[in-house]
Amino acid sequence: MTDRLIFDGHVDLALFALALNRDQTESVERINECEAGMDDTHDRGCAATSLPEMRTAGVAVCQSTVTARVDRTARPIHRADLDYGTHAMAYASAQAQLAYYRALQREGEMKLIGTAAELNEHWQLWLIAAAPPPRPF
């Protein structure tokens, strides 16, 4: 059993799911297989994480991003998946990412944590799940 909480402080799960049509419930190996030969963006075929990979690594909590920005001075737009010309478009993109996380929660793939009490409850459940089974005598 571990008494350490592995907390990933920055994961772009929804951004890459929506921008790249990447299924974050698949293994990294499967994601990269699906993207083999695609060349529409430099991010293709080089997925570094996904929900199953994070579980295997023992990540108990991640701070997954909702990312969109407005920079009207940047021409041409630096990143089509991240930079928007208006606040309304950036807001809509951020809301889509949040909706993706909510959909993953409904599917049982993840749990959104919004309060200290919810974090504590999650941590207690994580400790119970990580505990080794009792040894027979």
C-alpha atoms as a PDB file:
ATOM      1  CA  MET A   1       0.000   0.000   0.000  1.00  0.00           C
ATOM      2  CA  THR A   2       1.173   3.522  -0.698  1.00  0.00           C
ATOM      3  CA  ASP A   3       0.672   6.568   1.443  1.00  0.00           C
ATOM      4  CA  ARG A   4       1.685   8.927  -1.344  1.00  0.00           C
ATOM      5  CA  LEU A   5      -0.750  10.774  -3.518  1.00  0.00           C
ATOM      6  CA  ILE A   6       0.490  11.089  -7.092  1.00  0.00           C
ATOM      7  CA  PHE A   7      -0.932  14.360  -8.382  1.00  0.00           C
ATOM      8  CA  ASP A   8      -0.350  15.357 -12.009  1.00  0.00           C
ATOM      9  CA  GLY A   9      -0.462  19.137 -12.121  1.00  0.00           C
ATOM     10  CA  HIS A  10      -1.110  19.668 -15.852  1.00  0.00           C
ATOM     11  CA  VAL A  11      -2.753  17.377 -18.398  1.00  0.00           C
ATOM     12  CA  ASP A  12      -4.328  18.553 -21.675  1.00  0.00           C
ATOM     13  CA  LEU A  13      -6.732  15.610 -22.005  1.00  0.00           C
ATOM     14  CA  ALA A  14      -9.768  17.487 -23.351  1.00  0.00           C
ATOM     15  CA  LEU A  15      -7.793  19.832 -25.587  1.00  0.00           C
ATOM     16  CA  PHE A  16      -6.163  16.928 -27.413  1.00  0.00           C
ATOM     17  CA  ALA A  17      -9.335  14.855 -27.404  1.00  0.00           C
ATOM     18  CA  LEU A  18     -11.305  17.572 -29.159  1.00  0.00           C
ATOM     19  CA  ALA A  19      -8.600  19.139 -31.316  1.00  0.00           C
ATOM     20  CA  LEU A  20      -7.164  15.822 -32.506  1.00  0.00           C
ATOM     21  CA  ASN A  21     -10.210  13.541 -32.178  1.00  0.00           C
ATOM     22  CA  ARG A  22      -8.116  11.522 -29.715  1.00  0.00           C
ATOM     23  CA  ASP A  23      -9.889   8.941 -27.526  1.00  0.00           C
ATOM     24  CA  GLN A  24      -8.360   9.472 -24.095  1.00  0.00           C
ATOM     25  CA  THR A  25      -9.862   6.192 -22.863  1.00  0.00           C
ATOM     26  CA  GLU A  26      -7.482   4.243 -25.136  1.00  0.00           C
ATOM     27  CA  SER A  27      -3.889   3.319 -24.379  1.00  0.00           C
ATOM     28  CA  VAL A  28      -1.143   5.596 -25.664  1.00  0.00           C
ATOM     29  CA  GLU A  29      -0.013   2.756 -27.905  1.00  0.00           C
ATOM     30  CA  ARG A  30      -3.487   2.488 -29.474  1.00  0.00           C
ATOM     31  CA  ILE A  31      -3.823   6.268 -29.872  1.00  0.00           C
ATOM     32  CA  ASN A  32      -0.493   6.468 -31.661  1.00  0.00           C
ATOM     33  CA  GLU A  33      -1.394   3.493 -33.872  1.00  0.00           C
ATOM     34  CA  CYS A  34      -4.617   5.244 -34.903  1.00  0.00           C
ATOM     35  CA  GLU A  35      -2.703   8.412 -35.736  1.00  0.00           C
ATOM     36  CA  ALA A  36       0.076   6.698 -37.706  1.00  0.00           C
ATOM     37  CA  GLY A  37       0.550   8.425 -41.051  1.00  0.00           C
ATOM     38  CA  MET A  38      -1.516  11.484 -40.114  1.00  0.00           C
ATOM     39  CA  ASP A  39       0.359  14.708 -40.745  1.00  0.00           C
ATOM     40  CA  ASP A  40      -2.200  17.480 -40.204  1.00  0.00           C
ATOM     41  CA  THR A  41      -0.379  18.651 -37.056  1.00  0.00           C
ATOM     42  CA  HIS A  42       2.952  17.999 -35.370  1.00  0.00           C
ATOM     43  CA  ASP A  43       1.100  16.442 -32.395  1.00  0.00           C
ATOM     44  CA  ARG A  44       0.028  13.364 -34.368  1.00  0.00           C
ATOM     45  CA  GLY A  45       1.317   9.959 -33.371  1.00  0.00           C
ATOM     46  CA  CYS A  46       3.114  11.220 -30.268  1.00  0.00           C
ATOM     47  CA  ALA A  47       0.495  10.928 -27.527  1.00  0.00           C
ATOM     48  CA  ALA A  48       2.246  10.817 -24.178  1.00  0.00           C
ATOM     49  CA  THR A  49      -0.606  10.012 -21.819  1.00  0.00           C
ATOM     50  CA  SER A  50      -4.200   8.871 -21.549  1.00  0.00           C
ATOM     51  CA  LEU A  51      -6.524   7.792 -18.763  1.00  0.00           C
ATOM     52  CA  PRO A  52      -5.448   4.110 -18.811  1.00  0.00           C
ATOM     53  CA  GLU A  53      -1.772   5.116 -18.783  1.00  0.00           C
ATOM     54  CA  MET A  54      -2.334   7.421 -15.829  1.00  0.00           C
ATOM     55  CA  ARG A  55      -4.121   4.640 -13.915  1.00  0.00           C
ATOM     56  CA  THR A  56      -1.293   2.199 -14.649  1.00  0.00           C
ATOM     57  CA  ALA A  57       1.229   4.756 -13.387  1.00  0.00           C
ATOM     58  CA  GLY A  58      -0.746   5.200 -10.175  1.00  0.00           C
ATOM     59  CA  VAL A  59      -1.832   8.792 -10.753  1.00  0.00           C
ATOM     60  CA  ALA A  60      -4.625   9.350  -8.253  1.00  0.00           C
ATOM     61  CA  VAL A  61      -5.487  12.921  -9.194  1.00  0.00           C
ATOM     62  CA  CYS A  62      -4.741  15.147 -12.151  1.00  0.00           C
ATOM     63  CA  GLN A  63      -5.351  18.784 -12.765  1.00  0.00           C
ATOM     64  CA  SER A  64      -6.635  18.545 -16.282  1.00  0.00           C
ATOM     65  CA  THR A  65      -6.794  21.728 -18.255  1.00  0.00           C
ATOM     66  CA  VAL A  66      -9.509  23.720 -19.943  1.00  0.00           C
ATOM     67  CA  THR A  67      -7.452  25.752 -22.373  1.00  0.00           C
ATOM     68  CA  ALA A  68      -8.383  28.534 -24.786  1.00  0.00           C
ATOM     69  CA  ARG A  69      -6.950  31.991 -25.286  1.00  0.00           C
ATOM     70  CA  VAL A  70      -7.543  35.184 -27.237  1.00  0.00           C
ATOM     71  CA  ASP A  71      -4.649  37.077 -28.750  1.00  0.00           C
ATOM     72  CA  ARG A  72      -5.734  39.455 -31.461  1.00  0.00           C
ATOM     73  CA  THR A  73      -2.157  40.636 -31.992  1.00  0.00           C
ATOM     74  CA  ALA A  74      -0.900  37.198 -33.034  1.00  0.00           C
ATOM     75  CA  ARG A  75      -1.174  36.975 -36.816  1.00  0.00           C
ATOM     76  CA  PRO A  76      -1.176  34.425 -38.137  1.00  0.00           C
ATOM     77  CA  ILE A  77      -2.830  32.518 -35.315  1.00  0.00           C
ATOM     78  CA  HIS A  78      -0.139  30.508 -33.565  1.00  0.00           C
ATOM     79  CA  ARG A  79      -2.213  27.400 -32.704  1.00  0.00           C
ATOM     80  CA  ALA A  80      -5.556  26.632 -34.314  1.00  0.00           C
ATOM     81  CA  ASP A  81      -6.496  24.345 -31.385  1.00  0.00           C
ATOM     82  CA  LEU A  82      -5.818  26.979 -28.747  1.00  0.00           C
ATOM     83  CA  ASP A  83      -5.881  30.544 -30.119  1.00  0.00           C
ATOM     84  CA  TYR A  84      -9.184  32.242 -30.942  1.00  0.00           C
ATOM     85  CA  GLY A  85     -10.051  35.551 -32.542  1.00  0.00           C
ATOM     86  CA  THR A  86     -12.804  36.462 -30.094  1.00  0.00           C
ATOM     87  CA  HIS A  87     -13.666  35.882 -26.477  1.00  0.00           C
ATOM     88  CA  ALA A  88     -16.935  34.223 -27.508  1.00  0.00           C
ATOM     89  CA  MET A  89     -15.084  31.593 -29.554  1.00  0.00           C
ATOM     90  CA  ALA A  90     -12.553  30.965 -26.773  1.00  0.00           C
ATOM     91  CA  TYR A  91     -15.390  30.616 -24.260  1.00  0.00           C
ATOM     92  CA  ALA A  92     -17.207  28.131 -26.509  1.00  0.00           C
ATOM     93  CA  SER A  93     -14.062  26.038 -26.885  1.00  0.00           C
ATOM     94  CA  ALA A  94     -13.485  26.000 -23.124  1.00  0.00           C
ATOM     95  CA  GLN A  95     -17.100  24.964 -22.544  1.00  0.00           C
ATOM     96  CA  ALA A  96     -16.696  22.110 -25.038  1.00  0.00           C
ATOM     97  CA  GLN A  97     -13.646  20.871 -23.131  1.00  0.00           C
ATOM     98  CA  LEU A  98     -15.550  21.022 -19.857  1.00  0.00           C
ATOM     99  CA  ALA A  99     -18.430  19.104 -21.477  1.00  0.00           C
ATOM    100  CA  TYR A 100     -15.926  16.413 -22.519  1.00  0.00           C
ATOM    101  CA  TYR A 101     -14.798  15.961 -18.905  1.00  0.00           C
ATOM    102  CA  ARG A 102     -18.410  15.757 -17.789  1.00  0.00           C
ATOM    103  CA  ALA A 103     -19.095  13.108 -20.443  1.00  0.00           C
ATOM    104  CA  LEU A 104     -16.097  11.083 -19.217  1.00  0.00           C
ATOM    105  CA  GLN A 105     -17.458  11.334 -15.689  1.00  0.00           C
ATOM    106  CA  ARG A 106     -20.902  10.088 -16.806  1.00  0.00           C
ATOM    107  CA  GLU A 107     -19.170   7.141 -18.498  1.00  0.00           C
ATOM    108  CA  GLY A 108     -17.330   6.300 -15.273  1.00  0.00           C
ATOM    109  CA  GLU A 109     -13.900   7.093 -16.734  1.00  0.00           C
ATOM    110  CA  MET A 110     -13.076   9.846 -14.260  1.00  0.00           C
ATOM    111  CA  LYS A 111     -14.445  11.861 -11.366  1.00  0.00           C
ATOM    112  CA  LEU A 112     -14.507  15.627 -11.303  1.00  0.00           C
ATOM    113  CA  ILE A 113     -13.368  16.960  -7.936  1.00  0.00           C
ATOM    114  CA  GLY A 114     -14.478  20.435  -6.967  1.00  0.00           C
ATOM    115  CA  THR A 115     -14.083  20.686  -3.202  1.00  0.00           C
ATOM    116  CA  ALA A 116     -11.622  19.728  -0.484  1.00  0.00           C
ATOM    117  CA  ALA A 117     -14.194  17.278   0.895  1.00  0.00           C
ATOM    118  CA  GLU A 118     -14.491  15.560  -2.496  1.00  0.00           C
ATOM    119  CA  LEU A 119     -10.702  15.352  -2.742  1.00  0.00           C
ATOM    120  CA  ASN A 120     -10.495  13.801   0.723  1.00  0.00           C
ATOM    121  CA  GLU A 121     -13.221  11.279  -0.128  1.00  0.00           C
ATOM    122  CA  HIS A 122     -11.431  10.362  -3.343  1.00  0.00           C
ATOM    123  CA  TRP A 123      -8.117   9.985  -1.500  1.00  0.00           C
ATOM    124  CA  GLN A 124      -9.689   7.666   1.101  1.00  0.00           C
ATOM    125  CA  LEU A 125     -11.195   5.492  -1.643  1.00  0.00           C
ATOM    126  CA  TRP A 126      -7.834   5.484  -3.451  1.00  0.00           C
ATOM    127  CA  LEU A 127      -6.067   4.252  -0.304  1.00  0.00           C
ATOM    128  CA  ILE A 128      -8.618   1.455   0.177  1.00  0.00           C
ATOM    129  CA  ALA A 129      -8.292   0.371  -3.467  1.00  0.00           C
ATOM    130  CA  ALA A 130      -4.495   0.409  -3.246  1.00  0.00           C
ATOM    131  CA  ALA A 131      -4.374  -1.688  -0.081  1.00  0.00           C
ATOM    132  CA  PRO A 132      -3.100  -5.230  -0.622  1.00  0.00           C
ATOM    133  CA  PRO A 133      -5.543  -8.034   0.111  1.00  0.00           C
ATOM    134  CA  PRO A 134      -5.263  -9.618   3.547  1.00  0.00           C
ATOM    135  CA  ARG A 135      -2.835 -12.531   3.727  1.00  0.00           C
ATOM    136  CA  PRO A 136      -4.266 -15.889   4.764  1.00  0.00           C
ATOM    137  CA  PHE A 137      -2.882 -17.480   7.903  1.00  0.00           C
END
